[in-house]
Structures are given as structure tokens and as C-alpha cells.
PDB file of N, CA and C in Angstrom:
ATOM      1  N   MET A   1     -13.780  53.020 -56.701  1.00  0.00           N
ATOM      2  CA  MET A   1     -13.746  51.602 -56.436  1.00  0.00           C
ATOM      3  C   MET A   1     -12.912  50.914 -57.509  1.00  0.00           C
ATOM      4  N   PRO A   2     -11.861  50.176 -57.109  1.00  0.00           N
ATOM      5  CA  PRO A   2     -11.020  49.528 -58.112  1.00  0.00           C
ATOM      6  C   PRO A   2     -11.760  48.430 -58.856  1.00  0.00           C
ATOM      7  N   ARG A   3     -11.505  48.361 -60.134  1.00  0.00           N
ATOM      8  CA  ARG A   3     -12.093  47.297 -60.939  1.00  0.00           C
ATOM      9  C   ARG A   3     -11.260  46.033 -60.776  1.00  0.00           C
ATOM     10  N   SER A   4     -11.898  44.893 -60.868  1.00  0.00           N
ATOM     11  CA  SER A   4     -11.163  43.643 -60.719  1.00  0.00           C
ATOM     12  C   SER A   4     -10.414  43.322 -62.001  1.00  0.00           C
ATOM     13  N   CYS A   5      -9.325  42.624 -61.857  1.00  0.00           N
ATOM     14  CA  CYS A   5      -8.518  42.227 -63.005  1.00  0.00           C
ATOM     15  C   CYS A   5      -9.231  41.116 -63.764  1.00  0.00           C
ATOM     16  N   PRO A   6      -9.431  41.272 -65.074  1.00  0.00           N
ATOM     17  CA  PRO A   6     -10.158  40.269 -65.844  1.00  0.00           C
ATOM     18  C   PRO A   6      -9.304  39.062 -66.222  1.00  0.00           C
ATOM     19  N   VAL A   7      -8.080  38.993 -65.718  1.00  0.00           N
ATOM     20  CA  VAL A   7      -7.156  37.937 -66.125  1.00  0.00           C
ATOM     21  C   VAL A   7      -7.130  36.834 -65.074  1.00  0.00           C
ATOM     22  N   ASP A   8      -7.266  35.601 -65.528  1.00  0.00           N
ATOM     23  CA  ASP A   8      -7.162  34.437 -64.650  1.00  0.00           C
ATOM     24  C   ASP A   8      -5.695  34.237 -64.280  1.00  0.00           C
ATOM     25  N   ARG A   9      -5.382  34.221 -63.003  1.00  0.00           N
ATOM     26  CA  ARG A   9      -3.986  34.110 -62.563  1.00  0.00           C
ATOM     27  C   ARG A   9      -3.326  32.824 -63.036  1.00  0.00           C
ATOM     28  N   GLY A  10      -4.055  31.739 -63.061  1.00  0.00           N
ATOM     29  CA  GLY A  10      -3.479  30.478 -63.533  1.00  0.00           C
ATOM     30  C   GLY A  10      -3.049  30.559 -64.979  1.00  0.00           C
ATOM     31  N   SER A  11      -3.847  31.207 -65.792  1.00  0.00           N
ATOM     32  CA  SER A  11      -3.481  31.326 -67.202  1.00  0.00           C
ATOM     33  C   SER A  11      -2.317  32.276 -67.391  1.00  0.00           C
ATOM     34  N   CYS A  12      -2.169  33.250 -66.509  1.00  0.00           N
ATOM     35  CA  CYS A  12      -1.037  34.184 -66.602  1.00  0.00           C
ATOM     36  C   CYS A  12       0.292  33.447 -66.453  1.00  0.00           C
ATOM     37  N   ARG A  13       0.328  32.464 -65.557  1.00  0.00           N
ATOM     38  CA  ARG A  13       1.563  31.718 -65.321  1.00  0.00           C
ATOM     39  C   ARG A  13       1.970  30.909 -66.542  1.00  0.00           C
ATOM     40  N   ARG A  14       1.013  30.533 -67.355  1.00  0.00           N
ATOM     41  CA  ARG A  14       1.304  29.687 -68.509  1.00  0.00           C
ATOM     42  C   ARG A  14       1.597  30.484 -69.779  1.00  0.00           C
ATOM     43  N   ARG A  15       1.501  31.762 -69.708  1.00  0.00           N
ATOM     44  CA  ARG A  15       1.712  32.574 -70.915  1.00  0.00           C
ATOM     45  C   ARG A  15       3.169  32.551 -71.357  1.00  0.00           C
ATOM     46  N   SER A  16       3.377  32.713 -72.640  1.00  0.00           N
ATOM     47  CA  SER A  16       4.726  32.810 -73.186  1.00  0.00           C
ATOM     48  C   SER A  16       5.318  34.163 -72.827  1.00  0.00           C
ATOM     49  N   GLN A  17       6.580  34.354 -73.153  1.00  0.00           N
ATOM     50  CA  GLN A  17       7.244  35.631 -72.839  1.00  0.00           C
ATOM     51  C   GLN A  17       6.524  36.790 -73.518  1.00  0.00           C
ATOM     52  N   SER A  18       6.092  36.607 -74.763  1.00  0.00           N
ATOM     53  CA  SER A  18       5.376  37.681 -75.451  1.00  0.00           C
ATOM     54  C   SER A  18       4.027  37.939 -74.779  1.00  0.00           C
ATOM     55  N   GLY A  19       3.391  36.881 -74.312  1.00  0.00           N
ATOM     56  CA  GLY A  19       2.140  37.040 -73.581  1.00  0.00           C
ATOM     57  C   GLY A  19       2.348  37.784 -72.279  1.00  0.00           C
ATOM     58  N   ARG A  20       3.463  37.516 -71.615  1.00  0.00           N
ATOM     59  CA  ARG A  20       3.793  38.214 -70.366  1.00  0.00           C
ATOM     60  C   ARG A  20       4.004  39.703 -70.632  1.00  0.00           C
ATOM     61  N   ARG A  21       4.742  40.001 -71.698  1.00  0.00           N
ATOM     62  CA  ARG A  21       4.974  41.408 -72.053  1.00  0.00           C
ATOM     63  C   ARG A  21       3.644  42.097 -72.361  1.00  0.00           C
ATOM     64  N   GLU A  22       2.785  41.417 -73.097  1.00  0.00           N
ATOM     65  CA  GLU A  22       1.470  41.972 -73.442  1.00  0.00           C
ATOM     66  C   GLU A  22       0.667  42.278 -72.174  1.00  0.00           C
ATOM     67  N   LEU A  23       0.697  41.368 -71.224  1.00  0.00           N
ATOM     68  CA  LEU A  23      -0.014  41.570 -69.967  1.00  0.00           C
ATOM     69  C   LEU A  23       0.572  42.754 -69.197  1.00  0.00           C
ATOM     70  N   GLN A  24       1.889  42.848 -69.154  1.00  0.00           N
ATOM     71  CA  GLN A  24       2.530  43.959 -68.449  1.00  0.00           C
ATOM     72  C   GLN A  24       2.152  45.297 -69.075  1.00  0.00           C
ATOM     73  N   ILE A  25       2.120  45.355 -70.376  1.00  0.00           N
ATOM     74  CA  ILE A  25       1.748  46.590 -71.065  1.00  0.00           C
ATOM     75  C   ILE A  25       0.292  46.934 -70.787  1.00  0.00           C
ATOM     76  N   ALA A  26      -0.574  45.928 -70.806  1.00  0.00           N
ATOM     77  CA  ALA A  26      -1.989  46.169 -70.508  1.00  0.00           C
ATOM     78  C   ALA A  26      -2.170  46.695 -69.085  1.00  0.00           C
ATOM     79  N   VAL A  27      -1.426  46.140 -68.142  1.00  0.00           N
ATOM     80  CA  VAL A  27      -1.516  46.602 -66.753  1.00  0.00           C
ATOM     81  C   VAL A  27      -0.980  48.025 -66.629  1.00  0.00           C
ATOM     82  N   LEU A  28       0.141  48.320 -67.269  1.00  0.00           N
ATOM     83  CA  LEU A  28       0.682  49.683 -67.233  1.00  0.00           C
ATOM     84  C   LEU A  28      -0.315  50.679 -67.831  1.00  0.00           C
ATOM     85  N   ALA A  29      -0.927  50.307 -68.947  1.00  0.00           N
ATOM     86  CA  ALA A  29      -1.917  51.200 -69.562  1.00  0.00           C
ATOM     87  C   ALA A  29      -3.062  51.460 -68.597  1.00  0.00           C
ATOM     88  N   ARG A  30      -3.487  50.444 -67.887  1.00  0.00           N
ATOM     89  CA  ARG A  30      -4.569  50.589 -66.907  1.00  0.00           C
ATOM     90  C   ARG A  30      -4.160  51.514 -65.766  1.00  0.00           C
ATOM     91  N   VAL A  31      -2.932  51.364 -65.306  1.00  0.00           N
ATOM     92  CA  VAL A  31      -2.420  52.244 -64.243  1.00  0.00           C
ATOM     93  C   VAL A  31      -2.413  53.687 -64.737  1.00  0.00           C
ATOM     94  N   PHE A  32      -1.940  53.909 -65.951  1.00  0.00           N
ATOM     95  CA  PHE A  32      -1.933  55.263 -66.497  1.00  0.00           C
ATOM     96  C   PHE A  32      -3.347  55.832 -66.583  1.00  0.00           C
ATOM     97  N   GLU A  33      -4.273  55.028 -67.083  1.00  0.00           N
ATOM     98  CA  GLU A  33      -5.660  55.492 -67.219  1.00  0.00           C
ATOM     99  C   GLU A  33      -6.258  55.867 -65.868  1.00  0.00           C
ATOM    100  N   ASP A  34      -6.016  55.046 -64.861  1.00  0.00           N
ATOM    101  CA  ASP A  34      -6.646  55.236 -63.559  1.00  0.00           C
ATOM    102  C   ASP A  34      -5.943  56.256 -62.669  1.00  0.00           C
ATOM    103  N   CYS A  35      -4.644  56.474 -62.876  1.00  0.00           N
ATOM    104  CA  CYS A  35      -3.884  57.265 -61.907  1.00  0.00           C
ATOM    105  C   CYS A  35      -3.258  58.538 -62.458  1.00  0.00           C
ATOM    106  N   SER A  36      -3.279  58.732 -63.752  1.00  0.00           N
ATOM    107  CA  SER A  36      -2.514  59.843 -64.321  1.00  0.00           C
ATOM    108  C   SER A  36      -3.141  61.217 -64.106  1.00  0.00           C
ATOM    109  N   ASP A  37      -4.417  61.289 -63.819  1.00  0.00           N
ATOM    110  CA  ASP A  37      -5.054  62.600 -63.710  1.00  0.00           C
ATOM    111  C   ASP A  37      -5.094  63.139 -62.282  1.00  0.00           C
ATOM    112  N   THR A  38      -4.322  62.578 -61.389  1.00  0.00           N
ATOM    113  CA  THR A  38      -4.309  63.041 -60.010  1.00  0.00           C
ATOM    114  C   THR A  38      -3.180  64.038 -59.784  1.00  0.00           C
ATOM    115  N   GLU A  39      -3.340  64.868 -58.805  1.00  0.00           N
ATOM    116  CA  GLU A  39      -2.305  65.828 -58.433  1.00  0.00           C
ATOM    117  C   GLU A  39      -1.556  65.371 -57.185  1.00  0.00           C
ATOM    118  N   ALA A  40      -1.886  64.202 -56.661  1.00  0.00           N
ATOM    119  CA  ALA A  40      -1.275  63.720 -55.421  1.00  0.00           C
ATOM    120  C   ALA A  40       0.208  63.412 -55.632  1.00  0.00           C
ATOM    121  N   PRO A  41       1.079  64.024 -54.854  1.00  0.00           N
ATOM    122  CA  PRO A  41       2.516  63.778 -55.027  1.00  0.00           C
ATOM    123  C   PRO A  41       2.905  62.319 -54.773  1.00  0.00           C
ATOM    124  N   GLN A  42       2.167  61.636 -53.909  1.00  0.00           N
ATOM    125  CA  GLN A  42       2.488  60.238 -53.633  1.00  0.00           C
ATOM    126  C   GLN A  42       2.270  59.377 -54.876  1.00  0.00           C
ATOM    127  N   VAL A  43       1.222  59.662 -55.617  1.00  0.00           N
ATOM    128  CA  VAL A  43       0.937  58.906 -56.840  1.00  0.00           C
ATOM    129  C   VAL A  43       2.005  59.204 -57.882  1.00  0.00           C
ATOM    130  N   ASP A  44       2.376  60.464 -58.020  1.00  0.00           N
ATOM    131  CA  ASP A  44       3.437  60.828 -58.965  1.00  0.00           C
ATOM    132  C   ASP A  44       4.733  60.086 -58.653  1.00  0.00           C
ATOM    133  N   GLU A  45       5.077  60.027 -57.378  1.00  0.00           N
ATOM    134  CA  GLU A  45       6.314  59.359 -56.981  1.00  0.00           C
ATOM    135  C   GLU A  45       6.250  57.866 -57.273  1.00  0.00           C
ATOM    136  N   ARG A  46       5.127  57.241 -57.001  1.00  0.00           N
ATOM    137  CA  ARG A  46       4.991  55.798 -57.277  1.00  0.00           C
ATOM    138  C   ARG A  46       5.039  55.521 -58.787  1.00  0.00           C
ATOM    139  N   LEU A  47       4.383  56.365 -59.570  1.00  0.00           N
ATOM    140  CA  LEU A  47       4.451  56.199 -61.024  1.00  0.00           C
ATOM    141  C   LEU A  47       5.884  56.373 -61.518  1.00  0.00           C
ATOM    142  N   ARG A  48       6.598  57.326 -60.980  1.00  0.00           N
ATOM    143  CA  ARG A  48       7.985  57.556 -61.375  1.00  0.00           C
ATOM    144  C   ARG A  48       8.836  56.318 -61.057  1.00  0.00           C
ATOM    145  N   ARG A  49       8.644  55.733 -59.886  1.00  0.00           N
ATOM    146  CA  ARG A  49       9.389  54.521 -59.517  1.00  0.00           C
ATOM    147  C   ARG A  49       9.044  53.367 -60.446  1.00  0.00           C
ATOM    148  N   LEU A  50       7.779  53.224 -60.766  1.00  0.00           N
ATOM    149  CA  LEU A  50       7.345  52.166 -61.676  1.00  0.00           C
ATOM    150  C   LEU A  50       7.990  52.339 -63.043  1.00  0.00           C
ATOM    151  N   LEU A  51       7.988  53.562 -63.547  1.00  0.00           N
ATOM    152  CA  LEU A  51       8.543  53.825 -64.871  1.00  0.00           C
ATOM    153  C   LEU A  51      10.050  53.657 -64.906  1.00  0.00           C
ATOM    154  N   ASP A  52      10.714  53.935 -63.792  1.00  0.00           N
ATOM    155  CA  ASP A  52      12.163  53.748 -63.742  1.00  0.00           C
ATOM    156  C   ASP A  52      12.549  52.280 -63.895  1.00  0.00           C
ATOM    157  N   GLN A  53      11.638  51.369 -63.569  1.00  0.00           N
ATOM    158  CA  GLN A  53      11.921  49.940 -63.630  1.00  0.00           C
ATOM    159  C   GLN A  53      11.324  49.274 -64.863  1.00  0.00           C
ATOM    160  N   THR A  54      10.715  50.033 -65.736  1.00  0.00           N
ATOM    161  CA  THR A  54      10.023  49.489 -66.899  1.00  0.00           C
ATOM    162  C   THR A  54      10.778  49.871 -68.169  1.00  0.00           C
ATOM    163  N   PRO A  55      10.983  48.914 -69.078  1.00  0.00           N
ATOM    164  CA  PRO A  55      11.651  49.252 -70.342  1.00  0.00           C
ATOM    165  C   PRO A  55      10.902  50.370 -71.087  1.00  0.00           C
ATOM    166  N   ALA A  56      11.656  51.256 -71.716  1.00  0.00           N
ATOM    167  CA  ALA A  56      11.076  52.419 -72.392  1.00  0.00           C
ATOM    168  C   ALA A  56      10.046  52.030 -73.453  1.00  0.00           C
ATOM    169  N   ALA A  57      10.323  50.985 -74.209  1.00  0.00           N
ATOM    170  CA  ALA A  57       9.386  50.580 -75.271  1.00  0.00           C
ATOM    171  C   ALA A  57       8.040  50.155 -74.679  1.00  0.00           C
ATOM    172  N   ALA A  58       8.067  49.431 -73.572  1.00  0.00           N
ATOM    173  CA  ALA A  58       6.820  49.006 -72.928  1.00  0.00           C
ATOM    174  C   ALA A  58       6.067  50.207 -72.373  1.00  0.00           C
ATOM    175  N   THR A  59       6.788  51.143 -71.786  1.00  0.00           N
ATOM    176  CA  THR A  59       6.159  52.351 -71.248  1.00  0.00           C
ATOM    177  C   THR A  59       5.505  53.152 -72.364  1.00  0.00           C
ATOM    178  N   ASP A  60       6.212  53.331 -73.468  1.00  0.00           N
ATOM    179  CA  ASP A  60       5.663  54.086 -74.599  1.00  0.00           C
ATOM    180  C   ASP A  60       4.399  53.430 -75.149  1.00  0.00           C
ATOM    181  N   GLU A  61       4.427  52.118 -75.303  1.00  0.00           N
ATOM    182  CA  GLU A  61       3.253  51.414 -75.828  1.00  0.00           C
ATOM    183  C   GLU A  61       2.077  51.512 -74.856  1.00  0.00           C
ATOM    184  N   ALA A  62       2.348  51.391 -73.566  1.00  0.00           N
ATOM    185  CA  ALA A  62       1.288  51.495 -72.564  1.00  0.00           C
ATOM    186  C   ALA A  62       0.675  52.895 -72.560  1.00  0.00           C
ATOM    187  N   MET A  63       1.508  53.919 -72.692  1.00  0.00           N
ATOM    188  CA  MET A  63       0.990  55.290 -72.742  1.00  0.00           C
ATOM    189  C   MET A  63       0.136  55.500 -73.984  1.00  0.00           C
ATOM    190  N   ASP A  64       0.552  54.924 -75.114  1.00  0.00           N
ATOM    191  CA  ASP A  64      -0.247  55.015 -76.334  1.00  0.00           C
ATOM    192  C   ASP A  64      -1.613  54.361 -76.145  1.00  0.00           C
ATOM    193  N   ARG A  65      -1.623  53.178 -75.542  1.00  0.00           N
ATOM    194  CA  ARG A  65      -2.890  52.476 -75.314  1.00  0.00           C
ATOM    195  C   ARG A  65      -3.807  53.243 -74.367  1.00  0.00           C
ATOM    196  N   ALA A  66      -3.203  53.936 -73.419  1.00  0.00           N
ATOM    197  CA  ALA A  66      -3.994  54.701 -72.444  1.00  0.00           C
ATOM    198  C   ALA A  66      -4.444  56.033 -73.029  1.00  0.00           C
ATOM    199  N   GLY A  67      -3.978  56.350 -74.238  1.00  0.00           N
ATOM    200  CA  GLY A  67      -4.356  57.605 -74.876  1.00  0.00           C
ATOM    201  C   GLY A  67      -3.660  58.811 -74.287  1.00  0.00           C
ATOM    202  N   MET A  68      -2.483  58.576 -73.727  1.00  0.00           N
ATOM    203  CA  MET A  68      -1.739  59.666 -73.098  1.00  0.00           C
ATOM    204  C   MET A  68      -0.687  60.187 -74.063  1.00  0.00           C
ATOM    205  N   PRO A  69      -0.631  61.479 -74.243  1.00  0.00           N
ATOM    206  CA  PRO A  69       0.431  62.037 -75.087  1.00  0.00           C
ATOM    207  C   PRO A  69       1.762  62.002 -74.340  1.00  0.00           C
ATOM    208  N   PHE A  70       2.840  61.904 -75.082  1.00  0.00           N
ATOM    209  CA  PHE A  70       4.152  61.955 -74.456  1.00  0.00           C
ATOM    210  C   PHE A  70       4.414  63.382 -74.014  1.00  0.00           C
ATOM    211  N   ALA A  71       4.793  63.558 -72.773  1.00  0.00           N
ATOM    212  CA  ALA A  71       5.065  64.898 -72.233  1.00  0.00           C
ATOM    213  C   ALA A  71       6.397  64.889 -71.504  1.00  0.00           C
ATOM    214  N   PRO A  72       7.492  65.204 -72.193  1.00  0.00           N
ATOM    215  CA  PRO A  72       8.789  65.191 -71.523  1.00  0.00           C
ATOM    216  C   PRO A  72       8.867  66.233 -70.418  1.00  0.00           C
ATOM    217  N   VAL A  73       9.609  65.887 -69.380  1.00  0.00           N
ATOM    218  CA  VAL A  73       9.761  66.825 -68.257  1.00  0.00           C
ATOM    219  C   VAL A  73      11.161  67.327 -68.161  1.00  0.00           C
TER     220      VAL A  73
END
């Protein structure tokens, strides 16, 4: 069962650029935590597409927050 997002959408719109980046990293970390341990190829493909569109620094920080080691392929 998916957990609800604890962030108020109205407050998200008012955040500064750094606040937006922080929120994006928090969401990426949550995605990694919830989806990284699956073997489903569809999930792998969606994660790959997401990561292709995300700056490397944000991806690295999100993986660190999720407690995921870097694993080059």
C-alpha cells in the first residue's frame, strides 16, 4: 500500500529553487527505497528513464539518503 506524501502541495509551489531541489531529492530517495529491491523489468526500465532525466548530483544524493550503494553497470 503506497504511503501518502507528507508534503502540502500548496507549500511546494512556494518553495525556493533550493527547496524544490530538496523535495526532488527526497522523492527520488523514496522511489529508490520503495522500488529498488524488485526484479520486475518494468520497474527497472522506469527507474532507468527517471535517472536519465535527473542530474547526476541529485541522483547520487538521493541514493545516499536511501542507503543504496553505488553499483555501476
